Protein backbone atom coordinates (compact mmCIF):
# COMPACT_ATOMS: atom_id res chain seq x y z
CA MET A 1 0.33 0.06 0.07
CA ASN A 2 1.56 3.37 -1.03
CA ASN A 3 1.40 6.85 0.78
CA ILE A 4 -2.04 7.70 -1.01
CA GLU A 5 -3.53 4.62 -0.49
CA THR A 6 -2.51 4.99 3.28
CA SER A 7 -3.59 8.47 3.64
CA ILE A 8 -6.98 8.21 2.20
CA MET A 9 -7.55 5.03 4.43
CA ASN A 10 -6.70 7.08 7.21
CA LEU A 11 -8.85 10.10 6.45
CA ARG A 12 -11.60 8.06 5.87
CA ASN A 13 -11.36 6.35 9.26
CA PHE A 14 -11.05 9.35 10.76
CA TYR A 15 -13.84 10.87 9.20
CA GLU A 16 -16.31 7.67 9.42
CA SER A 17 -15.32 8.35 13.56
CA ASP A 18 -17.77 11.61 13.44
CA SER A 19 -15.42 13.93 15.03
CA THR A 20 -15.64 16.43 12.44
CA ILE A 21 -19.14 16.53 12.43
CA ASP A 22 -19.02 18.60 15.82
CA TYR A 23 -19.40 22.19 15.97
CA ASN A 24 -16.34 22.73 18.71
CA PHE A 25 -14.22 20.29 16.39
CA ARG A 26 -14.71 22.51 13.46
CA ILE A 27 -14.16 26.02 15.11
CA ASP A 28 -11.59 24.57 16.68
CA LYS A 29 -9.69 23.75 13.27
CA LEU A 30 -10.62 27.18 11.85
CA THR A 31 -9.05 28.95 14.86
CA LYS A 32 -5.89 27.11 14.44
CA LEU A 33 -6.19 28.05 10.99
CA SER A 34 -6.67 31.94 11.49
CA SER A 35 -3.43 31.54 14.05
CA ALA A 36 -1.41 30.41 11.43
CA LEU A 37 -1.86 32.76 8.86
CA ILE A 38 -0.51 35.29 11.13
CA LYS A 39 2.14 32.95 12.18
CA TRP A 40 3.09 31.80 8.99
CA GLU A 41 2.39 35.28 7.58
CA GLU A 42 6.18 36.38 6.72
CA PRO A 43 7.08 32.79 5.22
CA LEU A 44 4.03 32.97 3.01
CA LEU A 45 4.76 36.11 1.88
CA LYS A 46 8.19 35.45 1.06
CA ALA A 47 7.42 32.28 -0.92
CA LEU A 48 4.86 34.08 -3.00
CA HIS A 49 7.53 36.63 -4.00
CA ASP A 50 9.96 33.60 -4.89
CA ASP A 51 7.36 32.14 -7.04
CA LEU A 52 5.84 35.26 -8.61
CA GLY A 53 7.54 38.09 -7.72
CA LYS A 54 5.00 39.56 -5.83
CA SER A 55 5.60 42.35 -3.51
CA PRO A 56 4.61 42.18 0.06
CA GLU A 57 1.41 44.46 -0.14
CA GLU A 58 0.45 42.81 -3.60
CA ALA A 59 0.70 39.33 -1.72
CA TYR A 60 -0.75 40.23 1.40
CA ILE A 61 -4.24 42.00 -0.51
CA SER A 62 -4.56 39.96 -3.12
CA GLU A 63 -4.11 36.48 -1.07
CA LEU A 64 -3.53 36.85 2.59
CA ALA A 65 -6.15 39.00 3.38
CA ILE A 66 -8.91 36.95 1.18
CA VAL A 67 -7.93 33.50 3.13
CA LYS A 68 -8.26 35.33 6.11
CA HIS A 69 -11.76 37.12 5.48
CA GLU A 70 -12.82 33.56 4.45
CA VAL A 71 -11.61 32.02 7.37
CA ASN A 72 -13.00 34.70 9.70
CA TYR A 73 -16.72 34.46 7.92
CA PHE A 74 -16.47 30.90 8.92
CA ILE A 75 -15.82 31.21 12.68
CA SER A 76 -18.42 34.03 12.79
CA ASN A 77 -21.25 32.17 10.98
CA LEU A 78 -20.58 28.72 11.54
CA LYS A 79 -23.27 28.12 14.00
CA LYS A 80 -25.88 29.64 12.04
CA LEU A 81 -24.50 27.86 8.91
CA MET A 82 -24.71 24.49 10.78
CA LYS A 83 -28.10 25.15 11.78
CA LYS A 84 -31.04 22.96 10.65
CA ASN A 85 -33.17 24.91 8.23
CA LYS A 86 -37.20 24.26 8.96
CA VAL A 87 -39.32 24.76 5.61
CA LYS A 88 -42.84 24.43 5.07
CA THR A 89 -44.96 21.03 4.77
CA PRO A 90 -48.11 20.30 2.42
CA ILE A 91 -51.10 19.84 4.87
CA MET A 92 -51.52 16.56 3.42
CA HIS A 93 -48.56 15.26 5.48
CA PHE A 94 -50.20 16.44 8.64
CA PRO A 95 -48.81 16.22 11.66
CA SER A 96 -45.44 16.37 10.57
CA ASN A 97 -42.45 19.11 10.10
CA SER A 98 -39.63 19.09 7.58
CA TYR A 99 -36.40 20.53 7.61
CA ILE A 100 -32.87 20.68 5.83
CA ILE A 101 -29.60 19.51 7.33
CA ALA A 102 -26.10 20.56 5.94
CA GLU A 103 -24.07 17.14 6.07
CA PRO A 104 -20.53 16.90 5.17
CA LEU A 105 -19.74 15.20 2.09
CA GLY A 106 -16.70 13.03 3.05
CA LEU A 107 -13.31 13.18 2.19
CA VAL A 108 -12.64 15.77 -0.27
CA LEU A 109 -9.84 16.42 -2.74
CA ILE A 110 -8.91 20.19 -3.47
CA MET A 111 -6.49 20.74 -6.20
CA SER A 112 -5.21 24.23 -6.69
CA PRO A 113 -3.33 26.50 -9.32
CA TRP A 114 -0.36 28.16 -9.01
CA ASN A 115 -1.06 31.98 -9.90
CA TYR A 116 -2.87 32.20 -6.49
CA PRO A 117 -1.33 29.81 -4.72
CA LEU A 118 -2.53 30.41 -1.37
CA GLN A 119 -5.47 32.09 -2.03
CA LEU A 120 -7.07 29.31 -4.29
CA THR A 121 -5.56 26.41 -1.92
CA LEU A 122 -6.77 27.72 1.94
CA ALA A 123 -9.77 29.83 0.88
CA PRO A 124 -11.38 25.90 -0.12
CA LEU A 125 -9.76 24.32 2.62
CA ALA A 126 -11.46 26.77 5.33
CA ALA A 127 -14.80 25.66 3.71
CA ALA A 128 -13.96 22.10 3.49
CA ILE A 129 -13.51 22.14 7.36
CA ALA A 130 -16.23 24.74 8.29
CA ALA A 131 -18.62 22.07 6.53
CA GLY A 132 -17.24 18.72 8.29
CA ASN A 133 -15.09 17.11 5.89
CA THR A 134 -11.69 15.61 5.88
CA VAL A 135 -9.38 16.94 2.87
CA ILE A 136 -6.22 15.83 0.94
CA ILE A 137 -4.79 19.18 -0.69
CA LYS A 138 -2.50 18.86 -4.02
CA PRO A 139 -1.18 22.02 -4.76
CA SER A 140 0.92 23.34 -7.87
CA ARG A 141 4.14 22.15 -8.32
CA TYR A 142 4.87 25.18 -10.43
CA SER A 143 4.24 27.74 -7.33
CA GLU A 144 6.69 24.87 -5.48
CA ASN A 145 7.82 27.55 -2.70
CA THR A 146 4.39 28.67 -1.61
CA SER A 147 3.46 25.16 -1.85
CA LYS A 148 6.28 23.85 0.62
CA VAL A 149 5.24 26.54 3.16
CA ILE A 150 1.29 25.44 2.76
CA LYS A 151 2.61 21.82 3.67
CA GLU A 152 4.70 22.56 6.30
CA MET A 153 2.12 24.89 8.24
CA ILE A 154 -1.03 22.57 7.92
CA ASN A 155 1.18 19.98 9.15
CA SER A 156 2.20 22.10 12.08
CA ILE A 157 -1.48 22.51 13.17
CA TYR A 158 -3.52 19.49 11.48
CA ASN A 159 -2.97 15.79 12.07
CA ASN A 160 -2.43 14.09 8.76
CA SER A 161 -5.50 11.74 8.99
CA TYR A 162 -7.40 15.24 9.26
CA VAL A 163 -5.68 17.24 6.51
CA GLU A 164 -2.76 15.83 4.69
CA VAL A 165 -1.00 17.79 1.29
CA PHE A 166 0.88 16.08 -1.35
CA LEU A 167 3.55 17.89 -3.22
CA GLY A 168 4.59 16.95 -6.39
CA GLY A 169 3.85 17.09 -10.33
CA SER A 170 1.28 15.40 -12.94
CA GLN A 171 2.12 11.95 -11.89
CA VAL A 172 0.84 13.03 -7.96
CA ASN A 173 -2.54 14.28 -9.75
CA GLN A 174 -2.77 11.03 -11.67
CA GLU A 175 -2.47 8.92 -8.87
CA LEU A 176 -4.58 10.71 -6.40
CA LEU A 177 -7.45 10.68 -9.28
CA GLN A 178 -7.30 6.64 -9.58
CA HIS A 179 -9.09 6.57 -6.05
CA LYS A 180 -12.43 7.82 -5.25
CA PHE A 181 -13.45 10.55 -3.44
CA ASP A 182 -16.56 12.37 -2.31
CA PHE A 183 -16.04 15.64 -3.89
CA ILE A 184 -13.33 17.11 -6.12
CA PHE A 185 -12.69 20.79 -6.03
CA PHE A 186 -10.36 21.88 -9.10
CA THR A 187 -8.73 25.17 -10.07
CA GLY A 188 -6.92 25.57 -13.02
CA SER A 189 -7.07 25.10 -16.96
CA VAL A 190 -9.95 24.14 -19.32
CA ASN A 191 -7.70 20.88 -20.15
CA VAL A 192 -6.74 19.40 -17.19
CA GLY A 193 -10.56 20.24 -15.73
CA LYS A 194 -11.73 17.82 -18.34
CA ILE A 195 -9.32 15.41 -17.40
CA VAL A 196 -10.24 15.60 -13.74
CA MET A 197 -13.91 15.59 -14.46
CA GLN A 198 -13.48 12.47 -16.76
CA LYS A 199 -11.61 10.48 -13.85
CA ALA A 200 -14.00 11.63 -11.16
CA SER A 201 -16.87 10.23 -13.63
CA GLU A 202 -15.73 6.71 -13.03
CA PHE A 203 -16.58 6.93 -9.46
CA LEU A 204 -19.75 9.46 -9.86
CA THR A 205 -17.55 11.67 -7.59
CA PRO A 206 -19.27 15.46 -7.88
CA VAL A 207 -16.97 17.76 -8.90
CA ALA A 208 -16.55 22.16 -8.65
CA LEU A 209 -14.72 23.12 -11.87
CA GLU A 210 -12.90 26.71 -11.81
CA LEU A 211 -11.67 27.28 -14.66
CA GLY A 212 -10.81 30.11 -16.85
CA GLY A 213 -11.41 31.47 -20.36
CA LYS A 214 -11.09 34.86 -22.34
CA SER A 215 -12.69 37.27 -19.77
CA PRO A 216 -14.04 40.21 -22.63
CA VAL A 217 -14.02 43.99 -21.65
CA TYR A 218 -16.55 46.45 -23.63
CA ILE A 219 -15.68 50.22 -23.16
CA ASP A 220 -18.45 52.32 -24.15
CA SER A 221 -18.29 55.77 -25.46
CA SER A 222 -19.90 57.03 -22.44
CA ALA A 223 -17.39 55.65 -19.99
CA ASN A 224 -15.25 57.87 -18.12
CA ILE A 225 -12.12 57.29 -20.01
CA LYS A 226 -9.40 57.94 -17.00
CA THR A 227 -11.20 56.17 -14.36
CA THR A 228 -11.58 53.27 -16.81
CA ALA A 229 -8.14 53.03 -17.84
CA SER A 230 -6.66 53.29 -14.38
CA ARG A 231 -9.13 50.37 -13.05
CA LEU A 232 -8.46 48.32 -16.33
CA ALA A 233 -4.63 48.53 -15.95
CA TRP A 234 -4.60 47.46 -12.38
CA GLY A 235 -6.96 44.51 -12.94
CA LYS A 236 -5.36 43.51 -16.35
CA PHE A 237 -1.60 43.62 -14.84
CA LEU A 238 -1.99 42.41 -11.46
CA ASN A 239 -0.09 39.31 -10.76
CA SER A 240 1.90 40.26 -14.26
CA GLY A 241 -1.73 39.31 -15.56
CA GLN A 242 -1.48 35.64 -14.26
CA THR A 243 -5.18 35.96 -12.96
CA CYS A 244 -8.35 33.69 -14.41
CA VAL A 245 -10.61 36.74 -14.29
CA ALA A 246 -8.21 39.13 -15.80
CA PRO A 247 -9.61 41.01 -18.66
CA ASP A 248 -8.39 39.12 -21.30
CA TYR A 249 -9.18 41.82 -24.45
CA VAL A 250 -10.93 44.86 -24.92
CA LEU A 251 -13.64 45.57 -27.22
CA CYS A 252 -13.68 49.69 -27.51
CA HIS A 253 -15.99 52.05 -29.06
CA GLU A 254 -14.51 53.89 -31.48
CA LYS A 255 -15.04 57.33 -30.49
CA ILE A 256 -12.79 56.49 -27.79
CA TYR A 257 -10.28 54.44 -29.02
CA GLN A 258 -7.20 56.58 -29.12
CA LYS A 259 -8.11 58.38 -26.29
CA LEU A 260 -8.04 54.89 -24.27
CA LEU A 261 -5.05 54.00 -25.27
CA LEU A 262 -3.23 57.22 -24.51
CA ALA A 263 -5.01 57.02 -20.94
CA LEU A 264 -3.71 53.36 -20.56
CA LYS A 265 -0.22 54.08 -21.40
CA GLU A 266 -0.40 57.02 -18.88
CA GLU A 267 -1.92 54.80 -16.21
CA ILE A 268 0.68 52.01 -16.50
CA ASN A 269 3.35 54.70 -16.12
CA ASN A 270 1.70 56.02 -12.89
CA MET A 271 1.29 52.53 -11.52
CA TYR A 272 4.90 51.01 -12.56
CA GLY A 273 7.01 53.64 -14.18
CA THR A 274 8.37 53.90 -17.65
CA ASN A 275 10.15 50.48 -17.30
CA PRO A 276 8.39 48.19 -15.39
CA ILE A 277 10.67 45.37 -15.42
CA TYR A 278 12.73 47.00 -13.11
CA ASN A 279 9.95 47.90 -10.63
CA GLN A 280 10.28 45.77 -7.54
CA GLU A 281 6.50 46.07 -7.22
CA TYR A 282 5.94 44.43 -10.67
CA GLY A 283 5.88 40.49 -10.67
CA LYS A 284 7.28 37.75 -12.90
CA ILE A 285 6.10 35.22 -15.07
CA ILE A 286 5.62 31.74 -13.35
CA ASN A 287 8.36 29.82 -15.30
CA GLU A 288 10.32 29.86 -18.64
CA LYS A 289 7.51 27.73 -20.51
CA HIS A 290 4.84 30.10 -19.82
CA PHE A 291 7.42 32.93 -20.32
CA ASN A 292 8.21 31.74 -23.97
CA ARG A 293 4.38 31.37 -24.75
CA LEU A 294 4.17 34.63 -24.13
CA ILE A 295 6.73 35.63 -26.15
CA HIS A 296 5.13 34.23 -28.95
CA LEU A 297 1.70 35.99 -28.51
CA LEU A 298 3.50 39.63 -28.70
CA ASP A 299 3.71 39.04 -32.46
CA CYS A 300 0.31 38.60 -33.16
CA GLY A 301 -0.61 41.93 -33.72
CA THR A 302 1.01 45.43 -33.73
CA LEU A 303 2.42 46.57 -30.52
CA ALA A 304 1.15 49.89 -29.21
CA TYR A 305 3.00 50.19 -25.56
CA GLY A 306 5.57 47.76 -23.97
CA GLY A 307 6.94 44.57 -25.00
CA TYR A 308 10.36 44.75 -23.35
CA LEU A 309 11.29 41.90 -21.34
CA ASP A 310 14.07 40.21 -19.01
CA PRO A 311 14.45 36.54 -19.52
CA THR A 312 16.83 36.44 -16.38
CA THR A 313 13.94 37.92 -14.37
CA ARG A 314 10.87 36.32 -16.49
CA LYS A 315 9.58 39.59 -16.63
CA ILE A 316 7.46 40.91 -19.67
CA ALA A 317 6.26 44.85 -19.44
CA PRO A 318 2.51 45.51 -19.76
CA SER A 319 2.04 45.35 -23.21
CA LEU A 320 -1.03 46.84 -25.51
CA ILE A 321 -1.61 45.03 -28.77
CA ILE A 322 -3.70 46.63 -31.78
CA GLY A 323 -4.63 44.88 -34.87
CA ALA A 324 -4.77 41.90 -33.36
CA ASP A 325 -5.28 38.58 -35.48
CA LEU A 326 -8.58 37.54 -34.70
CA GLU A 327 -7.51 33.66 -35.80
CA SER A 328 -4.26 33.74 -33.76
CA PRO A 329 -3.56 32.04 -30.34
CA LEU A 330 -3.66 35.47 -28.68
CA MET A 331 -7.41 35.50 -29.73
CA GLN A 332 -7.90 32.14 -29.42
CA GLU A 333 -6.35 31.22 -25.99
CA GLU A 334 -6.36 32.65 -22.57
CA ILE A 335 -3.65 34.89 -22.48
CA PHE A 336 -3.00 34.64 -18.67
CA GLY A 337 -0.07 37.14 -18.85
CA PRO A 338 0.35 41.11 -19.47
CA ILE A 339 -0.66 41.44 -22.58
CA LEU A 340 -3.86 43.08 -23.57
CA PRO A 341 -5.18 43.32 -27.27
CA ILE A 342 -7.68 45.96 -27.67
CA ILE A 343 -9.94 45.99 -30.71
CA LYS A 344 -12.10 48.66 -32.25
CA VAL A 345 -15.92 48.11 -32.53
CA ASN A 346 -18.46 50.29 -34.04
CA ASN A 347 -21.10 49.71 -31.23
CA PHE A 348 -22.66 47.85 -28.29
CA LYS A 349 -24.11 45.44 -30.48
CA GLU A 350 -21.26 44.50 -32.21
CA ALA A 351 -19.31 44.05 -28.95
CA ILE A 352 -22.24 41.40 -27.76
CA THR A 353 -21.94 39.79 -31.18
CA PHE A 354 -18.08 39.31 -30.85
CA ILE A 355 -18.43 38.26 -27.17
CA LYS A 356 -21.62 35.73 -27.57
CA ASN A 357 -19.77 33.92 -30.68
CA LYS A 358 -17.00 32.65 -28.09
CA PRO A 359 -17.26 30.16 -25.47
CA LYS A 360 -18.94 31.37 -22.12
CA PRO A 361 -16.23 33.44 -20.63
CA LEU A 362 -15.51 33.32 -16.42
CA ALA A 363 -15.91 37.09 -16.45
CA ALA A 364 -17.12 40.13 -18.55
CA TYR A 365 -16.81 43.82 -17.72
CA LEU A 366 -18.80 46.55 -18.96
CA PHE A 367 -17.82 50.16 -18.65
CA SER A 368 -20.57 52.31 -19.60
CA LYS A 369 -23.33 54.73 -18.00
CA ASN A 370 -25.70 53.60 -20.45
CA THR A 371 -28.72 52.42 -18.11
CA ASP A 372 -30.01 49.96 -21.46
CA GLN A 373 -26.83 48.64 -22.18
CA ILE A 374 -25.96 47.62 -18.31
CA ASP A 375 -29.43 45.85 -18.39
CA TYR A 376 -28.90 43.81 -21.43
CA PHE A 377 -25.15 42.88 -19.80
CA ASN A 378 -26.65 41.58 -16.89
CA THR A 379 -29.42 39.94 -18.43
CA LYS A 380 -28.93 38.68 -21.62
CA LEU A 381 -25.20 38.09 -21.70
CA SER A 382 -24.05 34.64 -19.95
CA PHE A 383 -20.66 34.55 -18.24
CA GLY A 384 -19.51 33.43 -14.49
CA GLY A 385 -19.89 36.84 -13.16
CA GLY A 386 -18.27 40.08 -13.18
CA CYS A 387 -18.61 44.39 -12.69
CA ILE A 388 -19.82 47.35 -14.48
CA ASN A 389 -17.27 49.83 -14.43
CA ASP A 390 -14.67 48.04 -12.76
CA CYS A 391 -12.84 44.41 -12.96
CA ILE A 392 -11.69 41.57 -10.92
CA ILE A 393 -12.94 43.08 -7.22
CA HIS A 394 -16.49 40.98 -7.53
CA LEU A 395 -14.15 38.31 -6.43
CA ALA A 396 -13.27 40.28 -3.19
CA ASN A 397 -16.75 40.11 -1.83
CA PRO A 398 -17.65 36.93 0.41
CA ASN A 399 -21.36 37.38 -0.41
CA LEU A 400 -21.01 36.98 -3.95
CA PRO A 401 -20.85 33.55 -5.38
CA PHE A 402 -17.71 32.80 -7.85
CA GLY A 403 -17.50 30.31 -10.57
CA GLY A 404 -17.84 29.85 -14.34
CA VAL A 405 -20.45 28.55 -16.45
CA GLY A 406 -20.31 26.37 -19.98
CA GLU A 407 -16.61 26.16 -20.86
CA SER A 408 -15.11 28.17 -17.78
CA GLY A 409 -16.74 25.61 -15.16
CA MET A 410 -19.13 24.75 -12.83
CA GLY A 411 -20.17 25.10 -9.13
CA SER A 412 -19.39 28.13 -7.39
CA TYR A 413 -17.95 29.19 -4.00
CA HIS A 414 -16.94 32.17 -1.28
CA GLY A 415 -18.59 32.66 1.83
CA LYS A 416 -22.10 30.81 2.41
CA LYS A 417 -21.91 29.25 -1.10
CA SER A 418 -18.56 27.78 -0.02
CA PHE A 419 -20.39 25.98 2.77
CA GLU A 420 -23.02 24.61 0.75
CA THR A 421 -20.60 23.80 -2.12
CA PHE A 422 -18.56 21.70 0.53
CA SER A 423 -22.05 20.19 1.94
CA HIS A 424 -25.17 17.83 1.06
CA ASN A 425 -28.29 19.24 2.18
CA LYS A 426 -30.10 16.39 3.65
CA SER A 427 -34.01 16.72 3.44
CA ILE A 428 -35.85 15.32 6.51
CA LEU A 429 -39.63 15.03 7.10
CA LYS A 430 -40.33 14.06 10.75
CA LYS A 431 -44.05 12.93 11.07
CA ASN A 432 -45.86 12.59 14.40
CA ALA A 433 -46.31 9.34 15.38
CA LEU A 434 -49.42 9.26 17.39
CA ILE A 435 -51.68 10.18 14.67
CA ASP A 436 -52.13 8.39 11.11
CA ILE A 437 -54.46 9.97 8.61
CA LYS A 438 -55.55 7.37 6.31
CA LEU A 439 -56.50 9.49 3.45
CA ARG A 440 -53.63 8.55 1.32
CA LYS A 441 -53.93 5.04 1.41
CA PRO A 442 -55.99 2.27 -0.26
CA PRO A 443 -59.04 1.97 -0.72
CA LEU A 444 -58.68 5.19 -2.40
CA LYS A 445 -62.68 4.79 -4.13
CA GLY A 446 -64.85 7.80 -3.13
CA LYS A 447 -61.85 9.95 -1.70
CA LEU A 448 -61.07 11.82 -5.07
CA ASP A 449 -62.60 15.24 -4.13
CA LYS A 450 -61.21 15.15 -0.89
CA LEU A 451 -57.91 14.42 -2.20
CA LYS A 452 -58.09 17.02 -4.52
CA LYS A 453 -58.41 19.82 -2.28
CA LEU A 454 -55.51 18.42 -0.05
CA VAL A 455 -52.84 17.60 -2.93
């Protein structure tokens, strides 16, 4: 029996002991995680810098702070989340009452990516703990420094029969997926998500797939150009563009096209200076493979700004592309880097048609003051989630479920929705044992009029 098989057996045995069902047990484990995030803050921030070049400030606000908010949410709301939810019961079932109990799923597998390796590992973990599960975590091998620190931190606060962390590459992923879990939570690429879903189907294991895609932006002529450029540049070049909901391409009304280009250049200079690759607050590309992939994308149109790079630090300056080849990888694949194509369109209708001809995106963004456009965007365009007159920040609201639709994913999480995702809603109808109304039971002849009134 190998390490994974032994671990799965131990984790299942511990879950079957019913220890994780108890409210006090869950609160204790969440409190331990909360304390560990404070104790391990310095090594976690250093690891994020080593992996992705993130400054302490960016790493804190985009990763650690979000995890802390999730953990604190569960600590504050767990009793309410665990409380049985009473619902109405039809009169035909009198005398009885009905309720729903949030039941743990069991042993869950969390597979996390490299771009936000702390946030996208520990936020789902907090939810899994709050919901009463045992957990195996498989972080990305690309963000190896952060993955190692996460493993050390988790080992310091939890027994490995409760939460276990496995490091390694695709071979470990494949071996884990050979086993049955009660739920799999995966964040990553569409291609790997398909493999996860295929493997899970062999055991009829439910999955949540947090994927990605080409998240579009439409900027209308009514938008405030300076504010739009500032928010767009921040959202696109955060983490050097390595964000699953980063604006992937911009569709811009022709009336403001040139003004937007000038405003974006100004905002990039304001945030990162005239030579961002030497700015210590500007991050790097995760590895050489992705660095080289992005370099090729720079040739898929005309470079309007940026384009300079440093292979030794794997930094690519924020780059604006115009005249993009619509059939090129730049416009057919998720960019996942600091390259932003800007495409001129004549009107809102043309932009919407362009977006609808592509797979449903994980996120979509509209910059406009036009209420009709906003209403159409919200109700008739399908996407995972998004913002009006901003980008990315919908993820930072724990009251908004986050997840994809169609090819951009399935299932959602954050806050209350996370608890629901890692739980099974068990429905119970409790009947009074002293009174038995026989109207529903044979013989039924002659009872139709009475049954019509009750059913």
